Amino acid sequence: IEVRIEQLKEEADKIKDHQWPEDMVSDKQWY
């Protein structure tokens, strides 16, 4: 669990921010 949390944090940091419609969840929010 600890290892996977760190991997997900690293992956989320690589995602570029995009403009999403209000009813959609961004990739970073999903991570």
PDB file of all heavy atoms in Angstrom:
ATOM      1  N   ILE A   1       0.837  -1.202   0.000  1.00  0.00           N
ATOM      2  CA  ILE A   1       0.000   0.000   0.000  1.00  0.00           C
ATOM      3  C   ILE A   1       0.870   1.250   0.000  1.00  0.00           C
ATOM      4  O   ILE A   1       0.632   2.179  -0.771  1.00  0.00           O
ATOM      5  CB  ILE A   1      -0.987  -0.006   1.186  1.00  0.00           C
ATOM      6  CG1 ILE A   1      -1.998  -1.147   1.024  1.00  0.00           C
ATOM      7  CG2 ILE A   1      -1.701   1.331   1.303  1.00  0.00           C
ATOM      8  CD1 ILE A   1      -2.957  -1.312   2.192  1.00  0.00           C
ATOM      9  N   GLU A   2       1.894   1.284   0.836  1.00  0.00           N
ATOM     10  CA  GLU A   2       2.785   2.449   0.892  1.00  0.00           C
ATOM     11  C   GLU A   2       3.494   2.662  -0.442  1.00  0.00           C
ATOM     12  O   GLU A   2       3.586   3.791  -0.935  1.00  0.00           O
ATOM     13  CB  GLU A   2       3.823   2.269   2.004  1.00  0.00           C
ATOM     14  CG  GLU A   2       3.247   2.321   3.393  1.00  0.00           C
ATOM     15  CD  GLU A   2       4.276   1.985   4.455  1.00  0.00           C
ATOM     16  OE1 GLU A   2       5.472   1.833   4.130  1.00  0.00           O
ATOM     17  OE2 GLU A   2       3.876   1.862   5.620  1.00  0.00           O
ATOM     18  N   VAL A   3       3.995   1.574  -1.027  1.00  0.00           N
ATOM     19  CA  VAL A   3       4.696   1.666  -2.308  1.00  0.00           C
ATOM     20  C   VAL A   3       3.746   2.162  -3.392  1.00  0.00           C
ATOM     21  O   VAL A   3       4.087   3.048  -4.178  1.00  0.00           O
ATOM     22  CB  VAL A   3       5.301   0.296  -2.706  1.00  0.00           C
ATOM     23  CG1 VAL A   3       5.823   0.317  -4.135  1.00  0.00           C
ATOM     24  CG2 VAL A   3       6.405  -0.089  -1.732  1.00  0.00           C
ATOM     25  N   ARG A   4       2.527   1.627  -3.418  1.00  0.00           N
ATOM     26  CA  ARG A   4       1.569   2.021  -4.456  1.00  0.00           C
ATOM     27  C   ARG A   4       1.148   3.482  -4.299  1.00  0.00           C
ATOM     28  O   ARG A   4       0.995   4.195  -5.293  1.00  0.00           O
ATOM     29  CB  ARG A   4       0.332   1.100  -4.413  1.00  0.00           C
ATOM     30  CG  ARG A   4      -0.571   1.297  -5.580  1.00  0.00           C
ATOM     31  CD  ARG A   4       0.145   0.934  -6.876  1.00  0.00           C
ATOM     32  NE  ARG A   4      -0.725   1.202  -8.017  1.00  0.00           N
ATOM     33  CZ  ARG A   4      -0.362   1.924  -9.077  1.00  0.00           C
ATOM     34  NH1 ARG A   4       0.869   2.392  -9.180  1.00  0.00           N
ATOM     35  NH2 ARG A   4      -1.207   2.153 -10.044  1.00  0.00           N
ATOM     36  N   ILE A   5       0.973   3.944  -3.068  1.00  0.00           N
ATOM     37  CA  ILE A   5       0.633   5.353  -2.834  1.00  0.00           C
ATOM     38  C   ILE A   5       1.727   6.248  -3.412  1.00  0.00           C
ATOM     39  O   ILE A   5       1.430   7.236  -4.096  1.00  0.00           O
ATOM     40  CB  ILE A   5       0.416   5.634  -1.337  1.00  0.00           C
ATOM     41  CG1 ILE A   5      -0.894   5.007  -0.862  1.00  0.00           C
ATOM     42  CG2 ILE A   5       0.416   7.130  -1.056  1.00  0.00           C
ATOM     43  CD1 ILE A   5      -1.094   5.036   0.647  1.00  0.00           C
ATOM     44  N   GLU A   6       2.973   5.921  -3.155  1.00  0.00           N
ATOM     45  CA  GLU A   6       4.084   6.729  -3.673  1.00  0.00           C
ATOM     46  C   GLU A   6       4.115   6.696  -5.197  1.00  0.00           C
ATOM     47  O   GLU A   6       4.364   7.729  -5.839  1.00  0.00           O
ATOM     48  CB  GLU A   6       5.420   6.262  -3.092  1.00  0.00           C
ATOM     49  CG  GLU A   6       5.576   6.586  -1.626  1.00  0.00           C
ATOM     50  CD  GLU A   6       5.341   8.057  -1.308  1.00  0.00           C
ATOM     51  OE1 GLU A   6       5.915   8.923  -1.999  1.00  0.00           O
ATOM     52  OE2 GLU A   6       4.576   8.339  -0.371  1.00  0.00           O
ATOM     53  N   GLN A   7       3.866   5.538  -5.805  1.00  0.00           N
ATOM     54  CA  GLN A   7       3.830   5.440  -7.264  1.00  0.00           C
ATOM     55  C   GLN A   7       2.719   6.325  -7.838  1.00  0.00           C
ATOM     56  O   GLN A   7       2.925   7.029  -8.831  1.00  0.00           O
ATOM     57  CB  GLN A   7       3.597   3.991  -7.704  1.00  0.00           C
ATOM     58  CG  GLN A   7       4.765   3.081  -7.474  1.00  0.00           C
ATOM     59  CD  GLN A   7       4.419   1.625  -7.748  1.00  0.00           C
ATOM     60  OE1 GLN A   7       3.254   1.228  -7.736  1.00  0.00           O
ATOM     61  NE2 GLN A   7       5.441   0.820  -7.991  1.00  0.00           N
ATOM     62  N   LEU A   8       1.549   6.283  -7.211  1.00  0.00           N
ATOM     63  CA  LEU A   8       0.424   7.086  -7.687  1.00  0.00           C
ATOM     64  C   LEU A   8       0.707   8.582  -7.556  1.00  0.00           C
ATOM     65  O   LEU A   8       0.333   9.364  -8.437  1.00  0.00           O
ATOM     66  CB  LEU A   8      -0.850   6.710  -6.929  1.00  0.00           C
ATOM     67  CG  LEU A   8      -1.428   5.335  -7.257  1.00  0.00           C
ATOM     68  CD1 LEU A   8      -2.489   4.953  -6.246  1.00  0.00           C
ATOM     69  CD2 LEU A   8      -1.985   5.301  -8.670  1.00  0.00           C
ATOM     70  N   LYS A   9       1.369   8.982  -6.466  1.00  0.00           N
ATOM     71  CA  LYS A   9       1.735  10.388  -6.291  1.00  0.00           C
ATOM     72  C   LYS A   9       2.675  10.836  -7.406  1.00  0.00           C
ATOM     73  O   LYS A   9       2.522  11.923  -7.968  1.00  0.00           O
ATOM     74  CB  LYS A   9       2.384  10.615  -4.926  1.00  0.00           C
ATOM     75  CG  LYS A   9       1.412  10.577  -3.779  1.00  0.00           C
ATOM     76  CD  LYS A   9       2.147  10.788  -2.457  1.00  0.00           C
ATOM     77  CE  LYS A   9       1.197  10.728  -1.274  1.00  0.00           C
ATOM     78  NZ  LYS A   9       1.916  10.888   0.006  1.00  0.00           N
ATOM     79  N   GLU A  10       3.657  10.001  -7.738  1.00  0.00           N
ATOM     80  CA  GLU A  10       4.596  10.322  -8.814  1.00  0.00           C
ATOM     81  C   GLU A  10       3.878  10.416 -10.158  1.00  0.00           C
ATOM     82  O   GLU A  10       4.132  11.333 -10.942  1.00  0.00           O
ATOM     83  CB  GLU A  10       5.701   9.272  -8.879  1.00  0.00           C
ATOM     84  CG  GLU A  10       6.664   9.325  -7.720  1.00  0.00           C
ATOM     85  CD  GLU A  10       7.665   8.191  -7.715  1.00  0.00           C
ATOM     86  OE1 GLU A  10       7.790   7.475  -8.740  1.00  0.00           O
ATOM     87  OE2 GLU A  10       8.335   8.005  -6.674  1.00  0.00           O
ATOM     88  N   GLU A  11       2.980   9.478 -10.427  1.00  0.00           N
ATOM     89  CA  GLU A  11       2.224   9.499 -11.679  1.00  0.00           C
ATOM     90  C   GLU A  11       1.339  10.736 -11.759  1.00  0.00           C
ATOM     91  O   GLU A  11       1.235  11.362 -12.816  1.00  0.00           O
ATOM     92  CB  GLU A  11       1.382   8.227 -11.806  1.00  0.00           C
ATOM     93  CG  GLU A  11       2.209   6.972 -12.015  1.00  0.00           C
ATOM     94  CD  GLU A  11       1.376   5.706 -11.931  1.00  0.00           C
ATOM     95  OE1 GLU A  11       0.158   5.752 -12.170  1.00  0.00           O
ATOM     96  OE2 GLU A  11       1.958   4.644 -11.610  1.00  0.00           O
ATOM     97  N   ALA A  12       0.698  11.096 -10.654  1.00  0.00           N
ATOM     98  CA  ALA A  12      -0.186  12.271 -10.638  1.00  0.00           C
ATOM     99  C   ALA A  12       0.602  13.547 -10.901  1.00  0.00           C
ATOM    100  O   ALA A  12       0.110  14.451 -11.583  1.00  0.00           O
ATOM    101  CB  ALA A  12      -0.917  12.365  -9.299  1.00  0.00           C
ATOM    102  N   ASP A  13       1.831  13.614 -10.385  1.00  0.00           N
ATOM    103  CA  ASP A  13       2.658  14.799 -10.590  1.00  0.00           C
ATOM    104  C   ASP A  13       3.049  14.979 -12.061  1.00  0.00           C
ATOM    105  O   ASP A  13       3.343  16.091 -12.495  1.00  0.00           O
ATOM    106  CB  ASP A  13       3.926  14.736  -9.740  1.00  0.00           C
ATOM    107  CG  ASP A  13       3.650  14.970  -8.267  1.00  0.00           C
ATOM    108  OD1 ASP A  13       2.574  15.532  -7.940  1.00  0.00           O
ATOM    109  OD2 ASP A  13       4.508  14.601  -7.444  1.00  0.00           O
ATOM    110  N   LYS A  14       3.039  13.912 -12.827  1.00  0.00           N
ATOM    111  CA  LYS A  14       3.418  13.976 -14.247  1.00  0.00           C
ATOM    112  C   LYS A  14       2.266  14.421 -15.150  1.00  0.00           C
ATOM    113  O   LYS A  14       2.488  14.763 -16.301  1.00  0.00           O
ATOM    114  CB  LYS A  14       3.918  12.609 -14.706  1.00  0.00           C
ATOM    115  CG  LYS A  14       5.213  12.189 -14.045  1.00  0.00           C
ATOM    116  CD  LYS A  14       5.611  10.810 -14.473  1.00  0.00           C
ATOM    117  CE  LYS A  14       6.833  10.327 -13.711  1.00  0.00           C
ATOM    118  NZ  LYS A  14       7.174   8.947 -14.048  1.00  0.00           N
ATOM    119  N   ILE A  15       1.051  14.419 -14.620  1.00  0.00           N
ATOM    120  CA  ILE A  15      -0.120  14.761 -15.423  1.00  0.00           C
ATOM    121  C   ILE A  15      -0.197  16.264 -15.603  1.00  0.00           C
ATOM    122  O   ILE A  15      -0.098  17.018 -14.642  1.00  0.00           O
ATOM    123  CB  ILE A  15      -1.416  14.244 -14.751  1.00  0.00           C
ATOM    124  CG1 ILE A  15      -1.409  12.731 -14.696  1.00  0.00           C
ATOM    125  CG2 ILE A  15      -2.649  14.759 -15.488  1.00  0.00           C
ATOM    126  CD1 ILE A  15      -2.551  12.161 -13.890  1.00  0.00           C
ATOM    127  N   LYS A  16      -0.388  16.674 -16.812  1.00  0.00           N
ATOM    128  CA  LYS A  16      -0.576  18.096 -17.082  1.00  0.00           C
ATOM    129  C   LYS A  16      -2.012  18.478 -16.742  1.00  0.00           C
ATOM    130  O   LYS A  16      -2.942  17.709 -16.958  1.00  0.00           O
ATOM    131  CB  LYS A  16      -0.312  18.397 -18.548  1.00  0.00           C
ATOM    132  CG  LYS A  16       1.137  18.223 -18.962  1.00  0.00           C
ATOM    133  CD  LYS A  16       1.328  18.758 -20.348  1.00  0.00           C
ATOM    134  CE  LYS A  16       2.687  18.664 -20.937  1.00  0.00           C
ATOM    135  NZ  LYS A  16       3.803  18.265 -20.318  1.00  0.00           N
ATOM    136  N   ASP A  17      -2.188  19.665 -16.188  1.00  0.00           N
ATOM    137  CA  ASP A  17      -3.532  20.149 -15.866  1.00  0.00           C
ATOM    138  C   ASP A  17      -4.256  20.550 -17.147  1.00  0.00           C
ATOM    139  O   ASP A  17      -3.687  21.213 -18.013  1.00  0.00           O
ATOM    140  CB  ASP A  17      -3.468  21.354 -14.927  1.00  0.00           C
ATOM    141  CG  ASP A  17      -3.083  20.955 -13.519  1.00  0.00           C
ATOM    142  OD1 ASP A  17      -3.577  19.904 -13.060  1.00  0.00           O
ATOM    143  OD2 ASP A  17      -2.298  21.674 -12.885  1.00  0.00           O
ATOM    144  N   HIS A  18      -5.493  20.117 -17.265  1.00  0.00           N
ATOM    145  CA  HIS A  18      -6.342  20.461 -18.405  1.00  0.00           C
ATOM    146  C   HIS A  18      -7.607  21.109 -17.875  1.00  0.00           C
ATOM    147  O   HIS A  18      -7.965  20.944 -16.718  1.00  0.00           O
ATOM    148  CB  HIS A  18      -6.734  19.202 -19.196  1.00  0.00           C
ATOM    149  CG  HIS A  18      -5.569  18.499 -19.811  1.00  0.00           C
ATOM    150  ND1 HIS A  18      -4.921  18.938 -20.914  1.00  0.00           N
ATOM    151  CD2 HIS A  18      -4.930  17.352 -19.448  1.00  0.00           C
ATOM    152  CE1 HIS A  18      -3.937  18.115 -21.225  1.00  0.00           C
ATOM    153  NE2 HIS A  18      -3.912  17.142 -20.346  1.00  0.00           N
ATOM    154  N   GLN A  19      -8.291  21.800 -18.719  1.00  0.00           N
ATOM    155  CA  GLN A  19      -9.602  22.331 -18.360  1.00  0.00           C
ATOM    156  C   GLN A  19     -10.625  21.218 -18.596  1.00  0.00           C
ATOM    157  O   GLN A  19     -10.711  20.681 -19.687  1.00  0.00           O
ATOM    158  CB  GLN A  19      -9.958  23.550 -19.212  1.00  0.00           C
ATOM    159  CG  GLN A  19      -9.088  24.738 -18.937  1.00  0.00           C
ATOM    160  CD  GLN A  19      -9.382  25.348 -17.560  1.00  0.00           C
ATOM    161  OE1 GLN A  19     -10.208  24.866 -16.800  1.00  0.00           O
ATOM    162  NE2 GLN A  19      -8.688  26.411 -17.248  1.00  0.00           N
ATOM    163  N   TRP A  20     -11.363  20.884 -17.578  1.00  0.00           N
ATOM    164  CA  TRP A  20     -12.377  19.836 -17.669  1.00  0.00           C
ATOM    165  C   TRP A  20     -13.750  20.457 -17.458  1.00  0.00           C
ATOM    166  O   TRP A  20     -13.899  21.382 -16.660  1.00  0.00           O
ATOM    167  CB  TRP A  20     -12.153  18.776 -16.589  1.00  0.00           C
ATOM    168  CG  TRP A  20     -10.890  18.005 -16.772  1.00  0.00           C
ATOM    169  CD1 TRP A  20      -9.668  18.297 -16.248  1.00  0.00           C
ATOM    170  CD2 TRP A  20     -10.709  16.830 -17.548  1.00  0.00           C
ATOM    171  NE1 TRP A  20      -8.745  17.373 -16.628  1.00  0.00           N
ATOM    172  CE2 TRP A  20      -9.353  16.458 -17.427  1.00  0.00           C
ATOM    173  CE3 TRP A  20     -11.555  16.042 -18.319  1.00  0.00           C
ATOM    174  CZ2 TRP A  20      -8.831  15.342 -18.058  1.00  0.00           C
ATOM    175  CZ3 TRP A  20     -11.037  14.930 -18.942  1.00  0.00           C
ATOM    176  CH2 TRP A  20      -9.684  14.583 -18.817  1.00  0.00           C
ATOM    177  N   PRO A  21     -14.771  19.918 -18.122  1.00  0.00           N
ATOM    178  CA  PRO A  21     -16.133  20.376 -17.825  1.00  0.00           C
ATOM    179  C   PRO A  21     -16.432  20.133 -16.348  1.00  0.00           C
ATOM    180  O   PRO A  21     -15.870  19.222 -15.732  1.00  0.00           O
ATOM    181  CB  PRO A  21     -17.009  19.490 -18.710  1.00  0.00           C
ATOM    182  CG  PRO A  21     -16.105  18.993 -19.788  1.00  0.00           C
ATOM    183  CD  PRO A  21     -14.734  18.927 -19.185  1.00  0.00           C
ATOM    184  N   GLU A  22     -17.316  20.937 -15.780  1.00  0.00           N
ATOM    185  CA  GLU A  22     -17.602  20.849 -14.341  1.00  0.00           C
ATOM    186  C   GLU A  22     -18.079  19.473 -13.900  1.00  0.00           C
ATOM    187  O   GLU A  22     -17.854  19.072 -12.776  1.00  0.00           O
ATOM    188  CB  GLU A  22     -18.648  21.892 -13.951  1.00  0.00           C
ATOM    189  CG  GLU A  22     -18.095  23.288 -13.898  1.00  0.00           C
ATOM    190  CD  GLU A  22     -19.106  24.279 -13.363  1.00  0.00           C
ATOM    191  OE1 GLU A  22     -19.964  23.884 -12.554  1.00  0.00           O
ATOM    192  OE2 GLU A  22     -19.045  25.447 -13.770  1.00  0.00           O
ATOM    193  N   ASP A  23     -18.755  18.750 -14.796  1.00  0.00           N
ATOM    194  CA  ASP A  23     -19.306  17.450 -14.401  1.00  0.00           C
ATOM    195  C   ASP A  23     -18.309  16.306 -14.583  1.00  0.00           C
ATOM    196  O   ASP A  23     -18.645  15.162 -14.325  1.00  0.00           O
ATOM    197  CB  ASP A  23     -20.592  17.158 -15.171  1.00  0.00           C
ATOM    198  CG  ASP A  23     -20.380  17.079 -16.673  1.00  0.00           C
ATOM    199  OD1 ASP A  23     -19.385  17.643 -17.165  1.00  0.00           O
ATOM    200  OD2 ASP A  23     -21.220  16.464 -17.355  1.00  0.00           O
ATOM    201  N   MET A  24     -17.082  16.599 -14.979  1.00  0.00           N
ATOM    202  CA  MET A  24     -16.072  15.559 -15.159  1.00  0.00           C
ATOM    203  C   MET A  24     -14.989  15.696 -14.099  1.00  0.00           C
ATOM    204  O   MET A  24     -14.643  16.787 -13.680  1.00  0.00           O
ATOM    205  CB  MET A  24     -15.452  15.642 -16.549  1.00  0.00           C
ATOM    206  CG  MET A  24     -16.417  15.294 -17.660  1.00  0.00           C
ATOM    207  SD  MET A  24     -15.598  15.278 -19.262  1.00  0.00           S
ATOM    208  CE  MET A  24     -14.536  13.861 -19.081  1.00  0.00           C
ATOM    209  N   VAL A  25     -14.453  14.569 -13.692  1.00  0.00           N
ATOM    210  CA  VAL A  25     -13.372  14.554 -12.707  1.00  0.00           C
ATOM    211  C   VAL A  25     -12.052  14.548 -13.467  1.00  0.00           C
ATOM    212  O   VAL A  25     -11.862  13.765 -14.388  1.00  0.00           O
ATOM    213  CB  VAL A  25     -13.485  13.291 -11.812  1.00  0.00           C
ATOM    214  CG1 VAL A  25     -12.310  13.200 -10.868  1.00  0.00           C
ATOM    215  CG2 VAL A  25     -14.792  13.294 -11.052  1.00  0.00           C
ATOM    216  N   SER A  26     -11.139  15.418 -13.068  1.00  0.00           N
ATOM    217  CA  SER A  26      -9.837  15.453 -13.737  1.00  0.00           C
ATOM    218  C   SER A  26      -9.019  14.216 -13.373  1.00  0.00           C
ATOM    219  O   SER A  26      -9.291  13.537 -12.377  1.00  0.00           O
ATOM    220  CB  SER A  26      -9.068  16.707 -13.337  1.00  0.00           C
ATOM    221  OG  SER A  26      -8.568  16.578 -12.023  1.00  0.00           O
ATOM    222  N   ASP A  27      -8.012  13.958 -14.173  1.00  0.00           N
ATOM    223  CA  ASP A  27      -7.130  12.818 -13.901  1.00  0.00           C
ATOM    224  C   ASP A  27      -6.455  12.958 -12.540  1.00  0.00           C
ATOM    225  O   ASP A  27      -6.344  11.987 -11.799  1.00  0.00           O
ATOM    226  CB  ASP A  27      -6.072  12.690 -14.989  1.00  0.00           C
ATOM    227  CG  ASP A  27      -6.653  12.271 -16.334  1.00  0.00           C
ATOM    228  OD1 ASP A  27      -7.772  11.728 -16.353  1.00  0.00           O
ATOM    229  OD2 ASP A  27      -5.982  12.486 -17.358  1.00  0.00           O
ATOM    230  N   LYS A  28      -6.017  14.170 -12.205  1.00  0.00           N
ATOM    231  CA  LYS A  28      -5.364  14.372 -10.906  1.00  0.00           C
ATOM    232  C   LYS A  28      -6.335  14.116  -9.760  1.00  0.00           C
ATOM    233  O   LYS A  28      -5.959  13.530  -8.740  1.00  0.00           O
ATOM    234  CB  LYS A  28      -4.791  15.776 -10.804  1.00  0.00           C
ATOM    235  CG  LYS A  28      -3.472  15.928 -11.513  1.00  0.00           C
ATOM    236  CD  LYS A  28      -2.811  17.233 -11.161  1.00  0.00           C
ATOM    237  CE  LYS A  28      -1.443  17.290 -11.813  1.00  0.00           C
ATOM    238  NZ  LYS A  28      -0.676  18.448 -11.392  1.00  0.00           N
ATOM    239  N   GLN A  29      -7.592  14.538  -9.922  1.00  0.00           N
ATOM    240  CA  GLN A  29      -8.583  14.276  -8.882  1.00  0.00           C
ATOM    241  C   GLN A  29      -8.795  12.779  -8.723  1.00  0.00           C
ATOM    242  O   GLN A  29      -8.972  12.286  -7.608  1.00  0.00           O
ATOM    243  CB  GLN A  29      -9.902  14.962  -9.214  1.00  0.00           C
ATOM    244  CG  GLN A  29      -9.871  16.461  -9.034  1.00  0.00           C
ATOM    245  CD  GLN A  29     -11.149  17.104  -9.541  1.00  0.00           C
ATOM    246  OE1 GLN A  29     -11.616  16.801 -10.641  1.00  0.00           O
ATOM    247  NE2 GLN A  29     -11.727  17.980  -8.737  1.00  0.00           N
ATOM    248  N   TRP A  30      -8.786  12.047  -9.815  1.00  0.00           N
ATOM    249  CA  TRP A  30      -8.964  10.596  -9.761  1.00  0.00           C
ATOM    250  C   TRP A  30      -7.790   9.949  -9.021  1.00  0.00           C
ATOM    251  O   TRP A  30      -7.989   9.096  -8.158  1.00  0.00           O
ATOM    252  CB  TRP A  30      -9.100  10.026 -11.171  1.00  0.00           C
ATOM    253  CG  TRP A  30      -9.413   8.578 -11.180  1.00  0.00           C
ATOM    254  CD1 TRP A  30      -8.614   7.578 -11.612  1.00  0.00           C
ATOM    255  CD2 TRP A  30     -10.608   7.938 -10.705  1.00  0.00           C
ATOM    256  NE1 TRP A  30      -9.231   6.370 -11.438  1.00  0.00           N
ATOM    257  CE2 TRP A  30     -10.449   6.560 -10.887  1.00  0.00           C
ATOM    258  CE3 TRP A  30     -11.785   8.417 -10.140  1.00  0.00           C
ATOM    259  CZ2 TRP A  30     -11.433   5.651 -10.529  1.00  0.00           C
ATOM    260  CZ3 TRP A  30     -12.763   7.497  -9.781  1.00  0.00           C
ATOM    261  CH2 TRP A  30     -12.578   6.133  -9.980  1.00  0.00           C
ATOM    262  N   TYR A  31      -6.573  10.366  -9.335  1.00  0.00           N
ATOM    263  CA  TYR A  31      -5.405   9.834  -8.624  1.00  0.00           C
ATOM    264  C   TYR A  31      -5.511  10.147  -7.140  1.00  0.00           C
ATOM    265  O   TYR A  31      -5.251   9.297  -6.296  1.00  0.00           O
ATOM    266  CB  TYR A  31      -4.108  10.429  -9.179  1.00  0.00           C
ATOM    267  CG  TYR A  31      -3.567   9.680 -10.375  1.00  0.00           C
ATOM    268  CD1 TYR A  31      -3.880  10.071 -11.666  1.00  0.00           C
ATOM    269  CD2 TYR A  31      -2.726   8.589 -10.210  1.00  0.00           C
ATOM    270  CE1 TYR A  31      -3.372   9.390 -12.768  1.00  0.00           C
ATOM    271  CE2 TYR A  31      -2.209   7.901 -11.289  1.00  0.00           C
ATOM    272  CZ  TYR A  31      -2.543   8.307 -12.568  1.00  0.00           C
ATOM    273  OH  TYR A  31      -2.050   7.630 -13.637  1.00  0.00           O
TER     274      TYR A  31
END
